[in-house]
C-alpha atoms as a PDB file:
ATOM      1  CA  UNK A   1     -64.919 114.904 -32.176  1.00  0.00           C
ATOM      2  CA  UNK A   2     -61.402 114.855 -30.653  1.00  0.00           C
ATOM      3  CA  UNK A   3     -59.118 112.040 -31.748  1.00  0.00           C
ATOM      4  CA  UNK A   4     -58.671 109.273 -29.174  1.00  0.00           C
ATOM      5  CA  UNK A   5     -55.167 109.209 -27.622  1.00  0.00           C
ATOM      6  CA  UNK A   6     -52.711 106.493 -28.563  1.00  0.00           C
ATOM      7  CA  UNK A   7     -51.979 103.794 -26.007  1.00  0.00           C
ATOM      8  CA  UNK A   8     -48.527 102.260 -25.644  1.00  0.00           C
ATOM      9  CA  UNK A   9     -48.156  98.661 -24.466  1.00  0.00           C
ATOM     10  CA  UNK A  10     -45.354  97.703 -22.043  1.00  0.00           C
ATOM     11  CA  UNK A  11     -44.431  94.015 -21.642  1.00  0.00           C
ATOM     12  CA  UNK A  12     -41.485  92.653 -19.612  1.00  0.00           C
ATOM     13  CA  UNK A  13     -40.430  89.163 -20.726  1.00  0.00           C
ATOM     14  CA  UNK A  14     -37.903  86.458 -19.893  1.00  0.00           C
ATOM     15  CA  UNK A  15     -37.533  83.205 -21.837  1.00  0.00           C
ATOM     16  CA  UNK A  16     -41.180  83.420 -22.850  1.00  0.00           C
ATOM     17  CA  UNK A  17     -41.187  83.491 -26.635  1.00  0.00           C
ATOM     18  CA  UNK A  18     -43.885  80.793 -26.539  1.00  0.00           C
ATOM     19  CA  UNK A  19     -46.164  83.105 -24.535  1.00  0.00           C
ATOM     20  CA  UNK A  20     -45.523  86.064 -26.820  1.00  0.00           C
ATOM     21  CA  UNK A  21     -46.326  83.867 -29.821  1.00  0.00           C
ATOM     22  CA  UNK A  22     -49.681  83.007 -28.244  1.00  0.00           C
ATOM     23  CA  UNK A  23     -50.684  86.366 -26.791  1.00  0.00           C
ATOM     24  CA  UNK A  24     -49.146  89.160 -28.883  1.00  0.00           C
ATOM     25  CA  UNK A  25     -51.631  88.674 -31.742  1.00  0.00           C
ATOM     26  CA  UNK A  26     -54.513  89.257 -29.299  1.00  0.00           C
ATOM     27  CA  UNK A  27     -52.780  92.242 -27.695  1.00  0.00           C
ATOM     28  CA  UNK A  28     -52.224  93.903 -31.082  1.00  0.00           C
ATOM     29  CA  UNK A  29     -55.696  93.048 -32.415  1.00  0.00           C
ATOM     30  CA  UNK A  30     -57.687  94.009 -29.315  1.00  0.00           C
ATOM     31  CA  UNK A  31     -55.876  97.203 -28.246  1.00  0.00           C
ATOM     32  CA  UNK A  32     -57.794 100.168 -29.621  1.00  0.00           C
ATOM     33  CA  UNK A  33     -55.652 103.165 -30.611  1.00  0.00           C
ATOM     34  CA  UNK A  34     -52.438 101.161 -30.281  1.00  0.00           C
ATOM     35  CA  UNK A  35     -49.332 103.315 -30.200  1.00  0.00           C
ATOM     36  CA  UNK A  36     -45.946 101.740 -29.520  1.00  0.00           C
ATOM     37  CA  UNK A  37     -45.514  98.111 -28.534  1.00  0.00           C
ATOM     38  CA  UNK A  38     -42.560  98.014 -26.126  1.00  0.00           C
ATOM     39  CA  UNK A  39     -41.059  94.742 -24.934  1.00  0.00           C
ATOM     40  CA  UNK A  40     -38.297  94.546 -22.337  1.00  0.00           C
ATOM     41  CA  UNK A  41     -36.326  91.342 -22.816  1.00  0.00           C
ATOM     42  CA  UNK A  42     -34.489  90.203 -19.690  1.00  0.00           C
ATOM     43  CA  UNK A  43     -31.618  88.311 -21.283  1.00  0.00           C
ATOM     44  CA  UNK A  44     -33.773  85.573 -22.804  1.00  0.00           C
ATOM     45  CA  UNK A  45     -32.022  82.532 -24.249  1.00  0.00           C
ATOM     46  CA  UNK A  46     -34.930  81.336 -26.399  1.00  0.00           C
ATOM     47  CA  UNK A  47     -34.390  83.650 -29.404  1.00  0.00           C
ATOM     48  CA  UNK A  48     -37.153  85.998 -28.256  1.00  0.00           C
ATOM     49  CA  UNK A  49     -35.410  89.022 -29.762  1.00  0.00           C
ATOM     50  CA  UNK A  50     -34.722  87.295 -33.086  1.00  0.00           C
ATOM     51  CA  UNK A  51     -38.339  86.157 -33.290  1.00  0.00           C
ATOM     52  CA  UNK A  52     -39.660  89.632 -32.479  1.00  0.00           C
ATOM     53  CA  UNK A  53     -37.460  91.273 -35.102  1.00  0.00           C
ATOM     54  CA  UNK A  54     -38.691  88.799 -37.714  1.00  0.00           C
ATOM     55  CA  UNK A  55     -42.387  88.889 -36.856  1.00  0.00           C
ATOM     56  CA  UNK A  56     -42.948  92.282 -35.214  1.00  0.00           C
ATOM     57  CA  UNK A  57     -40.327  94.626 -36.713  1.00  0.00           C
ATOM     58  CA  UNK A  58     -42.244  97.650 -35.429  1.00  0.00           C
ATOM     59  CA  UNK A  59     -41.757  96.607 -31.792  1.00  0.00           C
ATOM     60  CA  UNK A  60     -39.430  98.694 -29.610  1.00  0.00           C
ATOM     61  CA  UNK A  61     -37.177  96.223 -27.805  1.00  0.00           C
ATOM     62  CA  UNK A  62     -35.238  97.030 -24.642  1.00  0.00           C
ATOM     63  CA  UNK A  63     -32.535  94.378 -24.204  1.00  0.00           C
ATOM     64  CA  UNK A  64     -31.140  93.557 -20.766  1.00  0.00           C
ATOM     65  CA  UNK A  65     -28.155  91.230 -20.496  1.00  0.00           C
ATOM     66  CA  UNK A  66     -29.576  89.463 -17.435  1.00  0.00           C
ATOM     67  CA  UNK A  67     -32.982  88.846 -15.865  1.00  0.00           C
ATOM     68  CA  UNK A  68     -33.801  92.014 -13.909  1.00  0.00           C
ATOM     69  CA  UNK A  69     -37.231  90.785 -12.887  1.00  0.00           C
ATOM     70  CA  UNK A  70     -40.162  93.175 -13.182  1.00  0.00           C
ATOM     71  CA  UNK A  71     -39.666  96.460 -11.337  1.00  0.00           C
ATOM     72  CA  UNK A  72     -36.692  97.947 -13.186  1.00  0.00           C
ATOM     73  CA  UNK A  73     -37.705  96.622 -16.624  1.00  0.00           C
ATOM     74  CA  UNK A  74     -41.121  98.288 -16.383  1.00  0.00           C
ATOM     75  CA  UNK A  75     -39.477 101.628 -15.625  1.00  0.00           C
ATOM     76  CA  UNK A  76     -37.120 101.027 -18.570  1.00  0.00           C
ATOM     77  CA  UNK A  77     -40.032 100.345 -20.886  1.00  0.00           C
ATOM     78  CA  UNK A  78     -42.025 103.365 -19.811  1.00  0.00           C
ATOM     79  CA  UNK A  79     -38.952 105.532 -20.392  1.00  0.00           C
ATOM     80  CA  UNK A  80     -39.236 104.506 -24.062  1.00  0.00           C
ATOM     81  CA  UNK A  81     -42.922 105.422 -24.206  1.00  0.00           C
ATOM     82  CA  UNK A  82     -44.346 108.829 -25.076  1.00  0.00           C
ATOM     83  CA  UNK A  83     -48.095 108.169 -24.928  1.00  0.00           C
ATOM     84  CA  UNK A  84     -50.641 109.857 -22.671  1.00  0.00           C
ATOM     85  CA  UNK A  85     -51.791 106.424 -21.480  1.00  0.00           C
ATOM     86  CA  UNK A  86     -50.012 103.087 -21.376  1.00  0.00           C
ATOM     87  CA  UNK A  87     -50.941  99.520 -20.581  1.00  0.00           C
ATOM     88  CA  UNK A  88     -48.808  97.255 -18.413  1.00  0.00           C
ATOM     89  CA  UNK A  89     -49.539  93.688 -19.423  1.00  0.00           C
ATOM     90  CA  UNK A  90     -47.811  90.403 -18.652  1.00  0.00           C
ATOM     91  CA  UNK A  91     -46.712  88.139 -21.457  1.00  0.00           C
ATOM     92  CA  UNK A  92     -49.125  85.493 -20.137  1.00  0.00           C
ATOM     93  CA  UNK A  93     -52.169  87.782 -20.370  1.00  0.00           C
ATOM     94  CA  UNK A  94     -54.562  87.762 -23.330  1.00  0.00           C
ATOM     95  CA  UNK A  95     -56.931  90.749 -23.515  1.00  0.00           C
ATOM     96  CA  UNK A  96     -60.478  90.501 -24.849  1.00  0.00           C
ATOM     97  CA  UNK A  97     -61.861  92.825 -27.492  1.00  0.00           C
ATOM     98  CA  UNK A  98     -62.748  96.285 -26.194  1.00  0.00           C
ATOM     99  CA  UNK A  99     -60.703  96.126 -23.015  1.00  0.00           C
ATOM    100  CA  UNK A 100     -59.137  99.541 -23.635  1.00  0.00           C
ATOM    101  CA  UNK A 101     -62.284 101.218 -25.001  1.00  0.00           C
ATOM    102  CA  UNK A 102     -64.124 100.165 -21.827  1.00  0.00           C
ATOM    103  CA  UNK A 103     -61.397 101.858 -19.766  1.00  0.00           C
ATOM    104  CA  UNK A 104     -60.684 105.152 -21.511  1.00  0.00           C
ATOM    105  CA  UNK A 105     -63.950 106.977 -20.588  1.00  0.00           C
ATOM    106  CA  UNK A 106     -62.987 106.937 -16.904  1.00  0.00           C
ATOM    107  CA  UNK A 107     -60.022 109.180 -17.636  1.00  0.00           C
ATOM    108  CA  UNK A 108     -62.366 112.103 -18.288  1.00  0.00           C
ATOM    109  CA  UNK A 109     -62.014 112.493 -14.520  1.00  0.00           C
ATOM    110  CA  UNK A 110     -58.547 114.082 -14.105  1.00  0.00           C
ATOM    111  CA  UNK A 111     -58.071 112.399 -10.727  1.00  0.00           C
ATOM    112  CA  UNK A 112     -58.279 108.865 -12.149  1.00  0.00           C
ATOM    113  CA  UNK A 113     -54.782 107.362 -12.172  1.00  0.00           C
ATOM    114  CA  UNK A 114     -55.459 103.874 -13.509  1.00  0.00           C
ATOM    115  CA  UNK A 115     -58.058 101.344 -14.581  1.00  0.00           C
ATOM    116  CA  UNK A 116     -57.321  97.758 -13.623  1.00  0.00           C
ATOM    117  CA  UNK A 117     -58.758  95.024 -15.815  1.00  0.00           C
ATOM    118  CA  UNK A 118     -61.025  92.134 -14.904  1.00  0.00           C
ATOM    119  CA  UNK A 119     -58.942  88.943 -14.937  1.00  0.00           C
ATOM    120  CA  UNK A 120     -61.058  85.853 -15.526  1.00  0.00           C
ATOM    121  CA  UNK A 121     -61.022  83.674 -12.427  1.00  0.00           C
ATOM    122  CA  UNK A 122     -59.830  86.505 -10.193  1.00  0.00           C
ATOM    123  CA  UNK A 123     -61.408  89.667  -8.790  1.00  0.00           C
ATOM    124  CA  UNK A 124     -60.768  93.182  -7.533  1.00  0.00           C
ATOM    125  CA  UNK A 125     -58.612  93.534  -4.383  1.00  0.00           C
ATOM    126  CA  UNK A 126     -60.617  94.127  -1.223  1.00  0.00           C
ATOM    127  CA  UNK A 127     -58.181  96.182   0.866  1.00  0.00           C
ATOM    128  CA  UNK A 128     -58.279  96.548   4.654  1.00  0.00           C
ATOM    129  CA  UNK A 129     -56.123  96.950   7.748  1.00  0.00           C
ATOM    130  CA  UNK A 130     -56.097  93.953  10.098  1.00  0.00           C
ATOM    131  CA  UNK A 131     -53.677  92.085  12.380  1.00  0.00           C
ATOM    132  CA  UNK A 132     -51.065  94.812  12.170  1.00  0.00           C
ATOM    133  CA  UNK A 133     -50.639  95.141   8.418  1.00  0.00           C
ATOM    134  CA  UNK A 134     -52.438  95.896   5.179  1.00  0.00           C
ATOM    135  CA  UNK A 135     -54.538  92.989   3.969  1.00  0.00           C
ATOM    136  CA  UNK A 136     -55.813  92.086   0.513  1.00  0.00           C
ATOM    137  CA  UNK A 137     -58.548  89.586  -0.329  1.00  0.00           C
ATOM    138  CA  UNK A 138     -60.599  89.007  -3.462  1.00  0.00           C
ATOM    139  CA  UNK A 139     -63.761  91.059  -3.718  1.00  0.00           C
ATOM    140  CA  UNK A 140     -67.014  89.115  -3.993  1.00  0.00           C
ATOM    141  CA  UNK A 141     -69.310  91.218  -6.183  1.00  0.00           C
ATOM    142  CA  UNK A 142     -67.906  91.422  -9.724  1.00  0.00           C
ATOM    143  CA  UNK A 143     -70.994  92.946 -11.332  1.00  0.00           C
ATOM    144  CA  UNK A 144     -70.078  96.635 -10.914  1.00  0.00           C
ATOM    145  CA  UNK A 145     -67.014  98.889 -11.172  1.00  0.00           C
ATOM    146  CA  UNK A 146     -65.137  99.217  -7.891  1.00  0.00           C
ATOM    147  CA  UNK A 147     -62.716 101.748  -6.424  1.00  0.00           C
ATOM    148  CA  UNK A 148     -59.637  99.550  -6.279  1.00  0.00           C
ATOM    149  CA  UNK A 149     -56.790  99.822  -3.788  1.00  0.00           C
ATOM    150  CA  UNK A 150     -54.291  99.254  -6.578  1.00  0.00           C
ATOM    151  CA  UNK A 151     -53.974  98.472 -10.281  1.00  0.00           C
ATOM    152  CA  UNK A 152     -52.406  95.209 -11.359  1.00  0.00           C
ATOM    153  CA  UNK A 153     -48.947  95.605 -12.835  1.00  0.00           C
ATOM    154  CA  UNK A 154     -49.808  92.795 -15.234  1.00  0.00           C
ATOM    155  CA  UNK A 155     -53.154  94.022 -16.557  1.00  0.00           C
ATOM    156  CA  UNK A 156     -54.015  97.707 -16.189  1.00  0.00           C
ATOM    157  CA  UNK A 157     -53.948 101.034 -18.024  1.00  0.00           C
ATOM    158  CA  UNK A 158     -52.316 104.092 -16.458  1.00  0.00           C
ATOM    159  CA  UNK A 159     -52.281 107.873 -16.954  1.00  0.00           C
ATOM    160  CA  UNK A 160     -48.716 108.949 -17.666  1.00  0.00           C
ATOM    161  CA  UNK A 161     -48.902 112.414 -16.092  1.00  0.00           C
ATOM    162  CA  UNK A 162     -49.809 111.021 -12.663  1.00  0.00           C
ATOM    163  CA  UNK A 163     -47.354 108.141 -13.044  1.00  0.00           C
ATOM    164  CA  UNK A 164     -44.585 110.690 -13.639  1.00  0.00           C
ATOM    165  CA  UNK A 165     -45.664 112.794 -10.639  1.00  0.00           C
ATOM    166  CA  UNK A 166     -45.473 109.687  -8.448  1.00  0.00           C
ATOM    167  CA  UNK A 167     -42.020 108.826  -9.794  1.00  0.00           C
ATOM    168  CA  UNK A 168     -42.888 105.481 -11.364  1.00  0.00           C
ATOM    169  CA  UNK A 169     -42.253 102.147  -9.691  1.00  0.00           C
ATOM    170  CA  UNK A 170     -40.072 102.294  -6.588  1.00  0.00           C
ATOM    171  CA  UNK A 171     -37.058 100.134  -7.391  1.00  0.00           C
ATOM    172  CA  UNK A 172     -36.445  99.332  -3.736  1.00  0.00           C
ATOM    173  CA  UNK A 173     -38.884  96.477  -4.442  1.00  0.00           C
ATOM    174  CA  UNK A 174     -36.709  94.998  -7.191  1.00  0.00           C
ATOM    175  CA  UNK A 175     -36.695  92.441  -8.616  1.00  0.00           C
ATOM    176  CA  UNK A 176     -40.472  92.013  -8.171  1.00  0.00           C
ATOM    177  CA  UNK A 177     -43.610  91.946  -5.991  1.00  0.00           C
ATOM    178  CA  UNK A 178     -45.521  94.738  -4.206  1.00  0.00           C
ATOM    179  CA  UNK A 179     -44.248  97.502  -6.495  1.00  0.00           C
ATOM    180  CA  UNK A 180     -47.613  97.847  -8.255  1.00  0.00           C
ATOM    181  CA  UNK A 181     -49.465  97.808  -4.928  1.00  0.00           C
ATOM    182  CA  UNK A 182     -47.046 100.468  -3.705  1.00  0.00           C
ATOM    183  CA  UNK A 183     -47.610 102.907  -6.575  1.00  0.00           C
ATOM    184  CA  UNK A 184     -51.359 102.352  -6.376  1.00  0.00           C
ATOM    185  CA  UNK A 185     -51.446 103.131  -2.682  1.00  0.00           C
ATOM    186  CA  UNK A 186     -49.146 106.126  -3.160  1.00  0.00           C
ATOM    187  CA  UNK A 187     -51.602 107.384  -5.759  1.00  0.00           C
ATOM    188  CA  UNK A 188     -54.517 107.117  -3.320  1.00  0.00           C
ATOM    189  CA  UNK A 189     -52.599 108.857  -0.550  1.00  0.00           C
ATOM    190  CA  UNK A 190     -51.688 111.606  -3.019  1.00  0.00           C
ATOM    191  CA  UNK A 191     -55.333 112.327  -3.834  1.00  0.00           C
ATOM    192  CA  UNK A 192     -55.886 110.175  -6.945  1.00  0.00           C
ATOM    193  CA  UNK A 193     -58.013 107.091  -7.505  1.00  0.00           C
ATOM    194  CA  UNK A 194     -58.036 103.709  -9.244  1.00  0.00           C
ATOM    195  CA  UNK A 195     -60.992 101.830 -10.698  1.00  0.00           C
ATOM    196  CA  UNK A 196     -61.550  98.132 -11.413  1.00  0.00           C
ATOM    197  CA  UNK A 197     -63.726  97.728 -14.499  1.00  0.00           C
ATOM    198  CA  UNK A 198     -65.575  94.387 -14.891  1.00  0.00           C
ATOM    199  CA  UNK A 199     -66.156  94.856 -18.638  1.00  0.00           C
ATOM    200  CA  UNK A 200     -62.433  95.261 -19.385  1.00  0.00           C
ATOM    201  CA  UNK A 201     -61.823  91.534 -19.639  1.00  0.00           C
ATOM    202  CA  UNK A 202     -58.477  89.733 -19.883  1.00  0.00           C
ATOM    203  CA  UNK A 203     -57.478  86.094 -19.579  1.00  0.00           C
ATOM    204  CA  UNK A 204     -54.420  85.381 -17.413  1.00  0.00           C
ATOM    205  CA  UNK A 205     -52.668  82.025 -17.893  1.00  0.00           C
ATOM    206  CA  UNK A 206     -50.479  82.490 -14.798  1.00  0.00           C
ATOM    207  CA  UNK A 207     -47.294  81.179 -16.399  1.00  0.00           C
ATOM    208  CA  UNK A 208     -45.133  83.930 -14.963  1.00  0.00           C
ATOM    209  CA  UNK A 209     -41.350  84.138 -14.859  1.00  0.00           C
ATOM    210  CA  UNK A 210     -41.454  83.866 -11.072  1.00  0.00           C
ATOM    211  CA  UNK A 211     -42.492  80.217 -11.364  1.00  0.00           C
ATOM    212  CA  UNK A 212     -39.081  79.505 -12.904  1.00  0.00           C
ATOM    213  CA  UNK A 213     -37.252  80.744  -9.789  1.00  0.00           C
ATOM    214  CA  UNK A 214     -36.446  79.190  -6.421  1.00  0.00           C
ATOM    215  CA  UNK A 215     -39.651  79.135  -4.299  1.00  0.00           C
ATOM    216  CA  UNK A 216     -37.740  79.927  -1.085  1.00  0.00           C
ATOM    217  CA  UNK A 217     -36.215  83.010  -2.723  1.00  0.00           C
ATOM    218  CA  UNK A 218     -39.614  84.141  -4.000  1.00  0.00           C
ATOM    219  CA  UNK A 219     -41.132  83.737  -0.524  1.00  0.00           C
ATOM    220  CA  UNK A 220     -38.320  85.799   1.014  1.00  0.00           C
ATOM    221  CA  UNK A 221     -38.770  88.631  -1.496  1.00  0.00           C
ATOM    222  CA  UNK A 222     -42.562  88.644  -1.080  1.00  0.00           C
ATOM    223  CA  UNK A 223     -42.347  88.897   2.707  1.00  0.00           C
ATOM    224  CA  UNK A 224     -39.502  91.429   2.603  1.00  0.00           C
ATOM    225  CA  UNK A 225     -41.418  93.660   0.218  1.00  0.00           C
ATOM    226  CA  UNK A 226     -44.631  93.356   2.222  1.00  0.00           C
ATOM    227  CA  UNK A 227     -42.786  94.828   5.197  1.00  0.00           C
ATOM    228  CA  UNK A 228     -41.236  97.540   3.039  1.00  0.00           C
ATOM    229  CA  UNK A 229     -44.678  98.492   1.747  1.00  0.00           C
ATOM    230  CA  UNK A 230     -46.058  98.897   5.262  1.00  0.00           C
ATOM    231  CA  UNK A 231     -42.990 100.753   6.529  1.00  0.00           C
ATOM    232  CA  UNK A 232     -42.831 103.173   3.593  1.00  0.00           C
ATOM    233  CA  UNK A 233     -46.523 103.918   3.138  1.00  0.00           C
ATOM    234  CA  UNK A 234     -48.481 103.442   6.356  1.00  0.00           C
ATOM    235  CA  UNK A 235     -48.310 106.700   8.282  1.00  0.00           C
ATOM    236  CA  UNK A 236     -51.308 106.762  10.653  1.00  0.00           C
ATOM    237  CA  UNK A 237     -49.933 106.551  14.198  1.00  0.00           C
ATOM    238  CA  UNK A 238     -52.432 103.958  15.397  1.00  0.00           C
ATOM    239  CA  UNK A 239     -51.627 101.693  12.444  1.00  0.00           C
ATOM    240  CA  UNK A 240     -47.889 102.025  13.008  1.00  0.00           C
ATOM    241  CA  UNK A 241     -48.219 101.041  16.653  1.00  0.00           C
ATOM    242  CA  UNK A 242     -50.418  98.136  15.639  1.00  0.00           C
ATOM    243  CA  UNK A 243     -47.762  97.055  13.130  1.00  0.00           C
ATOM    244  CA  UNK A 244     -44.991  97.143  15.746  1.00  0.00           C
ATOM    245  CA  UNK A 245     -47.113  94.927  17.969  1.00  0.00           C
ATOM    246  CA  UNK A 246     -47.592  92.533  15.037  1.00  0.00           C
ATOM    247  CA  UNK A 247     -43.829  92.336  14.457  1.00  0.00           C
ATOM    248  CA  UNK A 248     -43.196  91.574  18.132  1.00  0.00           C
ATOM    249  CA  UNK A 249     -45.906  88.920  18.477  1.00  0.00           C
ATOM    250  CA  UNK A 250     -45.294  87.278  15.115  1.00  0.00           C
ATOM    251  CA  UNK A 251     -41.561  86.969  15.720  1.00  0.00           C
ATOM    252  CA  UNK A 252     -42.175  85.387  19.131  1.00  0.00           C
ATOM    253  CA  UNK A 253     -44.474  82.834  17.537  1.00  0.00           C
ATOM    254  CA  UNK A 254     -42.337  82.346  14.423  1.00  0.00           C
ATOM    255  CA  UNK A 255     -38.654  83.039  15.241  1.00  0.00           C
ATOM    256  CA  UNK A 256     -37.678  82.525  11.597  1.00  0.00           C
ATOM    257  CA  UNK A 257     -39.550  85.723  10.766  1.00  0.00           C
ATOM    258  CA  UNK A 258     -36.733  87.680  12.398  1.00  0.00           C
ATOM    259  CA  UNK A 259     -34.705  86.937   9.266  1.00  0.00           C
ATOM    260  CA  UNK A 260     -37.399  88.595   7.132  1.00  0.00           C
ATOM    261  CA  UNK A 261     -37.318  91.698   9.327  1.00  0.00           C
ATOM    262  CA  UNK A 262     -33.528  91.956   9.112  1.00  0.00           C
ATOM    263  CA  UNK A 263     -33.628  91.452   5.342  1.00  0.00           C
ATOM    264  CA  UNK A 264     -36.213  94.233   4.984  1.00  0.00           C
ATOM    265  CA  UNK A 265     -34.291  96.560   7.312  1.00  0.00           C
ATOM    266  CA  UNK A 266     -31.089  96.003   5.355  1.00  0.00           C
ATOM    267  CA  UNK A 267     -32.883  96.717   2.099  1.00  0.00           C
ATOM    268  CA  UNK A 268     -34.415  99.886   3.531  1.00  0.00           C
ATOM    269  CA  UNK A 269     -31.090 101.184   4.853  1.00  0.00           C
ATOM    270  CA  UNK A 270     -28.909 100.175   1.916  1.00  0.00           C
ATOM    271  CA  UNK A 271     -31.115 101.205  -1.024  1.00  0.00           C
ATOM    272  CA  UNK A 272     -32.629 104.533  -1.957  1.00  0.00           C
ATOM    273  CA  UNK A 273     -36.378 104.816  -2.313  1.00  0.00           C
ATOM    274  CA  UNK A 274     -38.828 107.365  -3.678  1.00  0.00           C
ATOM    275  CA  UNK A 275     -39.820 110.231  -1.426  1.00  0.00           C
ATOM    276  CA  UNK A 276     -43.422 110.267  -0.286  1.00  0.00           C
ATOM    277  CA  UNK A 277     -45.494 113.398   0.394  1.00  0.00           C
ATOM    278  CA  UNK A 278     -48.932 112.131   1.328  1.00  0.00           C
ATOM    279  CA  UNK A 279     -51.989 114.354   1.729  1.00  0.00           C
ATOM    280  CA  UNK A 280     -54.519 111.605   2.572  1.00  0.00           C
ATOM    281  CA  UNK A 281     -54.487 109.446   5.714  1.00  0.00           C
ATOM    282  CA  UNK A 282     -54.539 105.651   5.656  1.00  0.00           C
ATOM    283  CA  UNK A 283     -57.932 105.537   7.345  1.00  0.00           C
ATOM    284  CA  UNK A 284     -59.340 107.951   4.767  1.00  0.00           C
ATOM    285  CA  UNK A 285     -58.051 105.837   1.897  1.00  0.00           C
ATOM    286  CA  UNK A 286     -59.505 102.655   3.394  1.00  0.00           C
ATOM    287  CA  UNK A 287     -62.842 104.425   3.835  1.00  0.00           C
ATOM    288  CA  UNK A 288     -63.042 104.885   0.048  1.00  0.00           C
ATOM    289  CA  UNK A 289     -61.453 101.840  -1.589  1.00  0.00           C
ATOM    290  CA  UNK A 290     -63.382  98.619  -2.194  1.00  0.00           C
ATOM    291  CA  UNK A 291     -66.587 100.595  -2.778  1.00  0.00           C
ATOM    292  CA  UNK A 292     -68.724 100.210  -5.910  1.00  0.00           C
ATOM    293  CA  UNK A 293     -69.242 103.253  -8.138  1.00  0.00           C
END
């Protein structure tokens, strides 16, 4: 019987030693075939690095001088990984036993890009096009595996070869939000697929770094990146026209939204982004995602 591949773990962290103290023991214990444990520290001031060196000397630590958020640190961490598969997991996520062993069999299909885990209290993302942009709601039936529109950047396992073909996370979304949705959707439009597995259980405490930041800033970044996602990835002509109509109507009704549009335009024009060569239409993708398997 062939030996199971090693799985590297990638965890970005900022001033969250207390979360690592709680959750790292479960991550190490419950990850079958654990390879490297890679933690990207974003300039923490709570002795995270000292604590890691004392308690987990085997950990590979990437040290940033300042808080770079999520997008860039994940790419930094994956650059230090050499495994066939890797798990992206937040420092506030605690996996249950068997979460990786429940996921690995799906990768016998070479077109499977990622398996996203079942977060207690949440669900798989039901993806659709409505009101001029891509919409996401929580799926209702959690009893069966589902073809998922994306894999959570805080609790999912990915195939490295496809990740590399896609170019990793697009850093135009930095510091955070929508980058995991973006790479998931790029995967679908490139002919790959993503699965949500109900038996791959994790518990998410939702004590993320973003809660420590200014809420107005977070709202701006979320809305900016939502526009960037639609502009960069939605290519069907009818959807694009529908989106332009949304921008016009929404700005008339909410004049403050014009600032979001300008912010997104500036980001698009002033920052490089990954090139996209899609082979699947938006309507074709939406015809497949959110279906049970």
